[in-house]
Amino acid sequence: MKRFYKQVSVEPVAGGHAIRLDGRAVKTPARADLALPTSALAHAVAAEWDAQREDIDPRSMPLTGLANAAIDRVAPDPAAFAQGLAAYAETDLLCYRADSPAELVARQAGAWDPLLAWAGRRYDVRFETVAGIVHRAQPDETVRRLSAAVAAYGAFHLAALQPLVTIAGSLVIALAIAEGRIDVEQAFATAHLDELWQVERWGEDELATRAREHHRADFKAAARFLALLV
């Protein structure tokens, strides 16, 4: 799509802040008004629109994409969306450990145990960890309480949590970001600990590096989106 507007602005509306292009409302793909719950997020989304040149490139507008998802996909049924994210409590990356070599085992414990300990204190839960990839069921109460924590978030938070959870493979990491327990770069490295350990041993693979950097960009955008909701 060609850029068809000159001026981007933010206008207060009932319950939020709407994006305007030459005074006209921006619509989501489902034709709802693009309105954000905080001024900070609205101005960040407006900056993405303002940064477009002759052609509009949706790939350069990750905050807008997350806002569209919140309005069109999550808001109609946030409970169902939250339930899908909460399912990761049953297979959280941090609970599945290597059994060798010793250096990797120690590195996983050093990075992952503190996050599980934090989540245990924060949500009054306990986790079952296992060496290998064979499924180990988590206690019912753990799944229930983590599910309740996710369900307490609104549509915009849930839209941002989705890429954090799926890229990390960890609900605990995503919740730690949302609650300010861990910064985004540390969180991404923690989630990709095994992959980065392999890189140290065997060197980079160009395709894998490219995919990881793409995921890093999406991960950072989602974390920024969360931060702008405060």
C-alpha atoms as a PDB file:
ATOM      1  CA  MET A   1       0.000   0.000   0.000  1.00  0.00           C
ATOM      2  CA  LYS A   2       1.224   3.483  -0.838  1.00  0.00           C
ATOM      3  CA  ARG A   3       1.351   6.079   1.897  1.00  0.00           C
ATOM      4  CA  PHE A   4      -1.858   8.032   1.448  1.00  0.00           C
ATOM      5  CA  TYR A   5      -1.658  10.431   4.404  1.00  0.00           C
ATOM      6  CA  LYS A   6       0.465  13.365   5.493  1.00  0.00           C
ATOM      7  CA  GLN A   7      -0.200  13.810   9.189  1.00  0.00           C
ATOM      8  CA  VAL A   8      -0.448  11.270  12.013  1.00  0.00           C
ATOM      9  CA  SER A   9      -2.047  12.253  15.308  1.00  0.00           C
ATOM     10  CA  VAL A  10      -3.383  10.782  18.538  1.00  0.00           C
ATOM     11  CA  GLU A  11      -6.839  11.772  19.747  1.00  0.00           C
ATOM     12  CA  PRO A  12      -8.359  10.972  23.146  1.00  0.00           C
ATOM     13  CA  VAL A  13     -11.550   8.942  22.821  1.00  0.00           C
ATOM     14  CA  ALA A  14     -13.823   7.154  25.252  1.00  0.00           C
ATOM     15  CA  GLY A  15     -11.708   4.558  27.001  1.00  0.00           C
ATOM     16  CA  GLY A  16      -8.464   5.209  25.165  1.00  0.00           C
ATOM     17  CA  HIS A  17      -6.446   7.023  22.533  1.00  0.00           C
ATOM     18  CA  ALA A  18      -7.206   6.704  18.811  1.00  0.00           C
ATOM     19  CA  ILE A  19      -4.787   6.990  15.893  1.00  0.00           C
ATOM     20  CA  ARG A  20      -5.762   9.475  13.204  1.00  0.00           C
ATOM     21  CA  LEU A  21      -4.368   9.854   9.683  1.00  0.00           C
ATOM     22  CA  ASP A  22      -5.121  13.330   8.358  1.00  0.00           C
ATOM     23  CA  GLY A  23      -7.882  13.426  10.949  1.00  0.00           C
ATOM     24  CA  ARG A  24      -9.475  10.139   9.873  1.00  0.00           C
ATOM     25  CA  ALA A  25      -9.684   7.077  12.093  1.00  0.00           C
ATOM     26  CA  VAL A  26      -7.316   4.186  11.421  1.00  0.00           C
ATOM     27  CA  LYS A  27      -9.113   0.850  11.164  1.00  0.00           C
ATOM     28  CA  THR A  28      -7.934  -2.615  12.137  1.00  0.00           C
ATOM     29  CA  PRO A  29      -8.142  -5.417   9.537  1.00  0.00           C
ATOM     30  CA  ALA A  30     -11.573  -6.270  10.985  1.00  0.00           C
ATOM     31  CA  ARG A  31     -12.635  -2.626  10.536  1.00  0.00           C
ATOM     32  CA  ALA A  32     -12.640  -1.646  14.212  1.00  0.00           C
ATOM     33  CA  ASP A  33     -11.163   1.676  15.283  1.00  0.00           C
ATOM     34  CA  LEU A  34      -7.471   1.448  16.176  1.00  0.00           C
ATOM     35  CA  ALA A  35      -7.635   2.785  19.738  1.00  0.00           C
ATOM     36  CA  LEU A  36      -5.052   2.096  22.435  1.00  0.00           C
ATOM     37  CA  PRO A  37      -5.519   1.984  26.206  1.00  0.00           C
ATOM     38  CA  THR A  38      -2.542   4.208  27.128  1.00  0.00           C
ATOM     39  CA  SER A  39      -1.181   7.429  25.719  1.00  0.00           C
ATOM     40  CA  ALA A  40       2.351   6.004  25.645  1.00  0.00           C
ATOM     41  CA  LEU A  41       1.326   3.043  23.490  1.00  0.00           C
ATOM     42  CA  ALA A  42      -0.804   5.215  21.221  1.00  0.00           C
ATOM     43  CA  HIS A  43       2.071   7.587  20.535  1.00  0.00           C
ATOM     44  CA  ALA A  44       4.438   4.663  19.877  1.00  0.00           C
ATOM     45  CA  VAL A  45       1.956   3.202  17.377  1.00  0.00           C
ATOM     46  CA  ALA A  46       1.502   6.632  15.796  1.00  0.00           C
ATOM     47  CA  ALA A  47       5.289   6.886  15.431  1.00  0.00           C
ATOM     48  CA  GLU A  48       5.278   3.653  13.406  1.00  0.00           C
ATOM     49  CA  TRP A  49       2.722   5.138  11.007  1.00  0.00           C
ATOM     50  CA  ASP A  50       4.627   8.402  10.816  1.00  0.00           C
ATOM     51  CA  ALA A  51       7.884   6.582  10.012  1.00  0.00           C
ATOM     52  CA  GLN A  52       6.457   5.026   6.832  1.00  0.00           C
ATOM     53  CA  ARG A  53       7.819   6.425   3.614  1.00  0.00           C
ATOM     54  CA  GLU A  54       6.384   6.082   0.120  1.00  0.00           C
ATOM     55  CA  ASP A  55       5.217   2.526   0.756  1.00  0.00           C
ATOM     56  CA  ILE A  56       3.621   1.245   3.969  1.00  0.00           C
ATOM     57  CA  ASP A  57       5.505  -1.815   5.233  1.00  0.00           C
ATOM     58  CA  PRO A  58       3.504  -3.723   7.896  1.00  0.00           C
ATOM     59  CA  ARG A  59       6.658  -5.634   8.867  1.00  0.00           C
ATOM     60  CA  SER A  60       8.117  -2.406  10.215  1.00  0.00           C
ATOM     61  CA  MET A  61       5.047  -1.826  12.408  1.00  0.00           C
ATOM     62  CA  PRO A  62       5.101  -4.567  15.072  1.00  0.00           C
ATOM     63  CA  LEU A  63       3.284  -2.515  17.717  1.00  0.00           C
ATOM     64  CA  THR A  64       0.467  -1.798  15.280  1.00  0.00           C
ATOM     65  CA  GLY A  65       0.253  -5.511  14.494  1.00  0.00           C
ATOM     66  CA  LEU A  66      -0.024  -6.413  18.169  1.00  0.00           C
ATOM     67  CA  ALA A  67      -2.673  -3.734  18.698  1.00  0.00           C
ATOM     68  CA  ASN A  68      -4.673  -5.098  15.767  1.00  0.00           C
ATOM     69  CA  ALA A  69      -4.412  -8.592  17.253  1.00  0.00           C
ATOM     70  CA  ALA A  70      -5.577  -7.359  20.656  1.00  0.00           C
ATOM     71  CA  ILE A  71      -8.643  -5.686  19.177  1.00  0.00           C
ATOM     72  CA  ASP A  72      -9.603  -8.166  16.457  1.00  0.00           C
ATOM     73  CA  ARG A  73      -8.463 -11.540  17.801  1.00  0.00           C
ATOM     74  CA  VAL A  74      -8.237 -11.331  21.580  1.00  0.00           C
ATOM     75  CA  ALA A  75     -10.902  -8.875  22.724  1.00  0.00           C
ATOM     76  CA  PRO A  76     -13.861 -10.875  21.320  1.00  0.00           C
ATOM     77  CA  ASP A  77     -13.027 -13.805  23.660  1.00  0.00           C
ATOM     78  CA  PRO A  78     -10.102 -13.055  26.004  1.00  0.00           C
ATOM     79  CA  ALA A  79     -10.886 -16.043  28.233  1.00  0.00           C
ATOM     80  CA  ALA A  80     -10.402 -18.524  25.391  1.00  0.00           C
ATOM     81  CA  PHE A  81      -7.214 -16.785  24.277  1.00  0.00           C
ATOM     82  CA  ALA A  82      -5.860 -16.810  27.835  1.00  0.00           C
ATOM     83  CA  GLN A  83      -6.636 -20.508  28.118  1.00  0.00           C
ATOM     84  CA  GLY A  84      -4.502 -21.221  25.062  1.00  0.00           C
ATOM     85  CA  LEU A  85      -1.536 -19.393  26.562  1.00  0.00           C
ATOM     86  CA  ALA A  86      -2.026 -20.968  29.973  1.00  0.00           C
ATOM     87  CA  ALA A  87      -1.630 -24.420  28.402  1.00  0.00           C
ATOM     88  CA  TYR A  88       2.109 -23.722  28.267  1.00  0.00           C
ATOM     89  CA  ALA A  89       2.165 -24.128  32.051  1.00  0.00           C
ATOM     90  CA  GLU A  90       1.956 -27.876  31.453  1.00  0.00           C
ATOM     91  CA  THR A  91       5.043 -28.039  29.189  1.00  0.00           C
ATOM     92  CA  ASP A  92       7.184 -25.085  30.232  1.00  0.00           C
ATOM     93  CA  LEU A  93      10.667 -25.070  28.718  1.00  0.00           C
ATOM     94  CA  LEU A  94      12.257 -24.419  32.116  1.00  0.00           C
ATOM     95  CA  CYS A  95      11.068 -27.789  33.414  1.00  0.00           C
ATOM     96  CA  TYR A  96      12.807 -29.909  30.749  1.00  0.00           C
ATOM     97  CA  ARG A  97      16.534 -30.289  31.360  1.00  0.00           C
ATOM     98  CA  ALA A  98      19.509 -31.878  29.673  1.00  0.00           C
ATOM     99  CA  ASP A  99      21.075 -34.881  31.387  1.00  0.00           C
ATOM    100  CA  SER A 100      24.495 -34.148  29.862  1.00  0.00           C
ATOM    101  CA  PRO A 101      27.032 -32.698  29.340  1.00  0.00           C
ATOM    102  CA  ALA A 102      27.638 -31.440  32.851  1.00  0.00           C
ATOM    103  CA  GLU A 103      28.409 -27.896  31.691  1.00  0.00           C
ATOM    104  CA  LEU A 104      25.033 -27.540  29.962  1.00  0.00           C
ATOM    105  CA  VAL A 105      23.223 -29.088  32.926  1.00  0.00           C
ATOM    106  CA  ALA A 106      24.866 -26.541  35.234  1.00  0.00           C
ATOM    107  CA  ARG A 107      24.140 -23.660  32.886  1.00  0.00           C
ATOM    108  CA  GLN A 108      20.460 -24.555  32.665  1.00  0.00           C
ATOM    109  CA  ALA A 109      20.216 -24.833  36.438  1.00  0.00           C
ATOM    110  CA  GLY A 110      21.938 -21.485  36.933  1.00  0.00           C
ATOM    111  CA  ALA A 111      19.618 -19.654  34.530  1.00  0.00           C
ATOM    112  CA  TRP A 112      16.345 -21.539  34.943  1.00  0.00           C
ATOM    113  CA  ASP A 113      16.177 -22.477  38.623  1.00  0.00           C
ATOM    114  CA  PRO A 114      15.967 -18.843  39.838  1.00  0.00           C
ATOM    115  CA  LEU A 115      13.023 -18.166  37.524  1.00  0.00           C
ATOM    116  CA  LEU A 116      11.163 -21.264  38.700  1.00  0.00           C
ATOM    117  CA  ALA A 117      11.907 -20.268  42.295  1.00  0.00           C
ATOM    118  CA  TRP A 118      10.553 -16.772  41.639  1.00  0.00           C
ATOM    119  CA  ALA A 119       7.392 -18.132  40.030  1.00  0.00           C
ATOM    120  CA  GLY A 120       6.997 -20.582  42.902  1.00  0.00           C
ATOM    121  CA  ARG A 121       7.047 -17.740  45.426  1.00  0.00           C
ATOM    122  CA  ARG A 122       5.024 -15.320  43.323  1.00  0.00           C
ATOM    123  CA  TYR A 123       2.155 -17.696  42.543  1.00  0.00           C
ATOM    124  CA  ASP A 124       2.547 -20.131  45.460  1.00  0.00           C
ATOM    125  CA  VAL A 125       3.158 -23.101  43.175  1.00  0.00           C
ATOM    126  CA  ARG A 126       5.709 -25.853  42.700  1.00  0.00           C
ATOM    127  CA  PHE A 127       7.160 -27.304  39.515  1.00  0.00           C
ATOM    128  CA  GLU A 128       8.178 -30.787  38.452  1.00  0.00           C
ATOM    129  CA  THR A 129      11.409 -30.834  36.438  1.00  0.00           C
ATOM    130  CA  VAL A 130      12.690 -33.731  34.378  1.00  0.00           C
ATOM    131  CA  ALA A 131      15.807 -34.651  32.400  1.00  0.00           C
ATOM    132  CA  GLY A 132      14.843 -35.244  28.793  1.00  0.00           C
ATOM    133  CA  ILE A 133      11.805 -34.434  26.691  1.00  0.00           C
ATOM    134  CA  VAL A 134       9.310 -37.045  27.935  1.00  0.00           C
ATOM    135  CA  HIS A 135       6.272 -35.203  29.269  1.00  0.00           C
ATOM    136  CA  ARG A 136       6.098 -34.721  33.031  1.00  0.00           C
ATOM    137  CA  ALA A 137       2.740 -33.523  34.297  1.00  0.00           C
ATOM    138  CA  GLN A 138       2.737 -30.442  36.504  1.00  0.00           C
ATOM    139  CA  PRO A 139       0.682 -30.384  39.709  1.00  0.00           C
ATOM    140  CA  ASP A 140      -2.956 -29.498  39.059  1.00  0.00           C
ATOM    141  CA  GLU A 141      -2.734 -26.575  41.480  1.00  0.00           C
ATOM    142  CA  THR A 142       0.266 -25.165  39.631  1.00  0.00           C
ATOM    143  CA  VAL A 143      -1.571 -25.241  36.319  1.00  0.00           C
ATOM    144  CA  ARG A 144      -4.694 -23.771  37.903  1.00  0.00           C
ATOM    145  CA  ARG A 145      -2.912 -20.862  39.564  1.00  0.00           C
ATOM    146  CA  LEU A 146      -0.791 -19.981  36.553  1.00  0.00           C
ATOM    147  CA  SER A 147      -3.907 -20.155  34.386  1.00  0.00           C
ATOM    148  CA  ALA A 148      -5.624 -17.728  36.759  1.00  0.00           C
ATOM    149  CA  ALA A 149      -2.635 -15.369  36.541  1.00  0.00           C
ATOM    150  CA  VAL A 150      -2.885 -15.304  32.752  1.00  0.00           C
ATOM    151  CA  ALA A 151      -6.670 -14.932  32.782  1.00  0.00           C
ATOM    152  CA  ALA A 152      -6.345 -11.815  34.945  1.00  0.00           C
ATOM    153  CA  TYR A 153      -4.765  -9.902  32.058  1.00  0.00           C
ATOM    154  CA  GLY A 154      -6.766  -7.877  29.554  1.00  0.00           C
ATOM    155  CA  ALA A 155      -6.784  -8.208  25.776  1.00  0.00           C
ATOM    156  CA  PHE A 156      -3.809  -5.946  25.094  1.00  0.00           C
ATOM    157  CA  HIS A 157      -1.593  -7.680  27.647  1.00  0.00           C
ATOM    158  CA  LEU A 158      -2.626 -11.072  26.311  1.00  0.00           C
ATOM    159  CA  ALA A 159      -1.804 -10.074  22.736  1.00  0.00           C
ATOM    160  CA  ALA A 160       1.724  -9.174  23.822  1.00  0.00           C
ATOM    161  CA  LEU A 161       2.149 -12.234  26.014  1.00  0.00           C
ATOM    162  CA  GLN A 162       1.360 -14.546  23.100  1.00  0.00           C
ATOM    163  CA  PRO A 163       4.637 -14.040  21.163  1.00  0.00           C
ATOM    164  CA  LEU A 164       6.627 -13.975  24.396  1.00  0.00           C
ATOM    165  CA  VAL A 165       5.206 -17.339  25.446  1.00  0.00           C
ATOM    166  CA  THR A 166       5.463 -19.023  22.057  1.00  0.00           C
ATOM    167  CA  ILE A 167       8.943 -17.749  21.156  1.00  0.00           C
ATOM    168  CA  ALA A 168      10.333 -18.616  24.586  1.00  0.00           C
ATOM    169  CA  GLY A 169       8.346 -21.826  24.932  1.00  0.00           C
ATOM    170  CA  SER A 170       7.851 -20.725  28.517  1.00  0.00           C
ATOM    171  CA  LEU A 171       4.913 -19.202  30.351  1.00  0.00           C
ATOM    172  CA  VAL A 172       7.163 -18.507  33.330  1.00  0.00           C
ATOM    173  CA  ILE A 173       9.563 -16.394  31.258  1.00  0.00           C
ATOM    174  CA  ALA A 174       6.677 -14.421  29.751  1.00  0.00           C
ATOM    175  CA  LEU A 175       5.153 -13.739  33.172  1.00  0.00           C
ATOM    176  CA  ALA A 176       8.565 -12.697  34.510  1.00  0.00           C
ATOM    177  CA  ILE A 177       8.828 -10.111  31.737  1.00  0.00           C
ATOM    178  CA  ALA A 178       5.292  -8.868  32.351  1.00  0.00           C
ATOM    179  CA  GLU A 179       6.036  -8.413  36.048  1.00  0.00           C
ATOM    180  CA  GLY A 180       9.436  -6.782  35.551  1.00  0.00           C
ATOM    181  CA  ARG A 181      11.356  -9.709  37.044  1.00  0.00           C
ATOM    182  CA  ILE A 182      13.686 -10.035  34.049  1.00  0.00           C
ATOM    183  CA  ASP A 183      14.719  -7.732  31.214  1.00  0.00           C
ATOM    184  CA  VAL A 184      13.981  -8.663  27.638  1.00  0.00           C
ATOM    185  CA  GLU A 185      17.546  -9.407  26.480  1.00  0.00           C
ATOM    186  CA  GLN A 186      18.209 -11.644  29.471  1.00  0.00           C
ATOM    187  CA  ALA A 187      14.862 -13.338  28.946  1.00  0.00           C
ATOM    188  CA  PHE A 188      15.577 -14.050  25.282  1.00  0.00           C
ATOM    189  CA  ALA A 189      19.023 -15.448  26.082  1.00  0.00           C
ATOM    190  CA  THR A 190      17.532 -17.573  28.859  1.00  0.00           C
ATOM    191  CA  ALA A 191      14.940 -19.036  26.509  1.00  0.00           C
ATOM    192  CA  HIS A 192      17.586 -19.765  23.862  1.00  0.00           C
ATOM    193  CA  LEU A 193      20.210 -21.065  26.274  1.00  0.00           C
ATOM    194  CA  ASP A 194      20.525 -24.466  24.609  1.00  0.00           C
ATOM    195  CA  GLU A 195      20.816 -22.977  21.129  1.00  0.00           C
ATOM    196  CA  LEU A 196      23.389 -20.411  22.211  1.00  0.00           C
ATOM    197  CA  TRP A 197      25.378 -23.119  23.975  1.00  0.00           C
ATOM    198  CA  GLN A 198      25.512 -25.073  20.718  1.00  0.00           C
ATOM    199  CA  VAL A 199      26.698 -21.947  18.903  1.00  0.00           C
ATOM    200  CA  GLU A 200      29.565 -21.613  21.370  1.00  0.00           C
ATOM    201  CA  ARG A 201      30.624 -25.177  20.649  1.00  0.00           C
ATOM    202  CA  TRP A 202      30.075 -25.500  16.909  1.00  0.00           C
ATOM    203  CA  GLY A 203      29.754 -21.977  15.541  1.00  0.00           C
ATOM    204  CA  GLU A 204      26.906 -20.104  13.931  1.00  0.00           C
ATOM    205  CA  ASP A 205      24.624 -21.439  11.236  1.00  0.00           C
ATOM    206  CA  GLU A 206      23.522 -18.622   8.934  1.00  0.00           C
ATOM    207  CA  LEU A 207      19.904 -19.725   8.602  1.00  0.00           C
ATOM    208  CA  ALA A 208      19.558 -20.430  12.320  1.00  0.00           C
ATOM    209  CA  THR A 209      21.076 -17.063  13.174  1.00  0.00           C
ATOM    210  CA  ARG A 210      18.732 -15.270  10.810  1.00  0.00           C
ATOM    211  CA  ALA A 211      15.714 -17.041  12.324  1.00  0.00           C
ATOM    212  CA  ARG A 212      16.884 -16.282  15.857  1.00  0.00           C
ATOM    213  CA  GLU A 213      17.313 -12.589  15.098  1.00  0.00           C
ATOM    214  CA  HIS A 214      13.852 -12.461  13.554  1.00  0.00           C
ATOM    215  CA  HIS A 215      12.453 -14.009  16.725  1.00  0.00           C
ATOM    216  CA  ARG A 216      14.474 -11.595  18.843  1.00  0.00           C
ATOM    217  CA  ALA A 217      12.902  -8.615  17.049  1.00  0.00           C
ATOM    218  CA  ASP A 218       9.381  -9.985  17.595  1.00  0.00           C
ATOM    219  CA  PHE A 219      10.219 -10.801  21.217  1.00  0.00           C
ATOM    220  CA  LYS A 220      11.540  -7.302  21.933  1.00  0.00           C
ATOM    221  CA  ALA A 221       8.547  -5.675  20.251  1.00  0.00           C
ATOM    222  CA  ALA A 222       6.142  -7.677  22.418  1.00  0.00           C
ATOM    223  CA  ALA A 223       8.052  -6.764  25.570  1.00  0.00           C
ATOM    224  CA  ARG A 224       8.020  -3.097  24.577  1.00  0.00           C
ATOM    225  CA  PHE A 225       4.282  -3.307  23.912  1.00  0.00           C
ATOM    226  CA  LEU A 226       3.782  -4.629  27.463  1.00  0.00           C
ATOM    227  CA  ALA A 227       5.951  -1.880  28.944  1.00  0.00           C
ATOM    228  CA  LEU A 228       3.918   0.788  27.147  1.00  0.00           C
ATOM    229  CA  LEU A 229       0.711  -0.505  28.730  1.00  0.00           C
ATOM    230  CA  VAL A 230       1.823   0.667  32.169  1.00  0.00           C
END
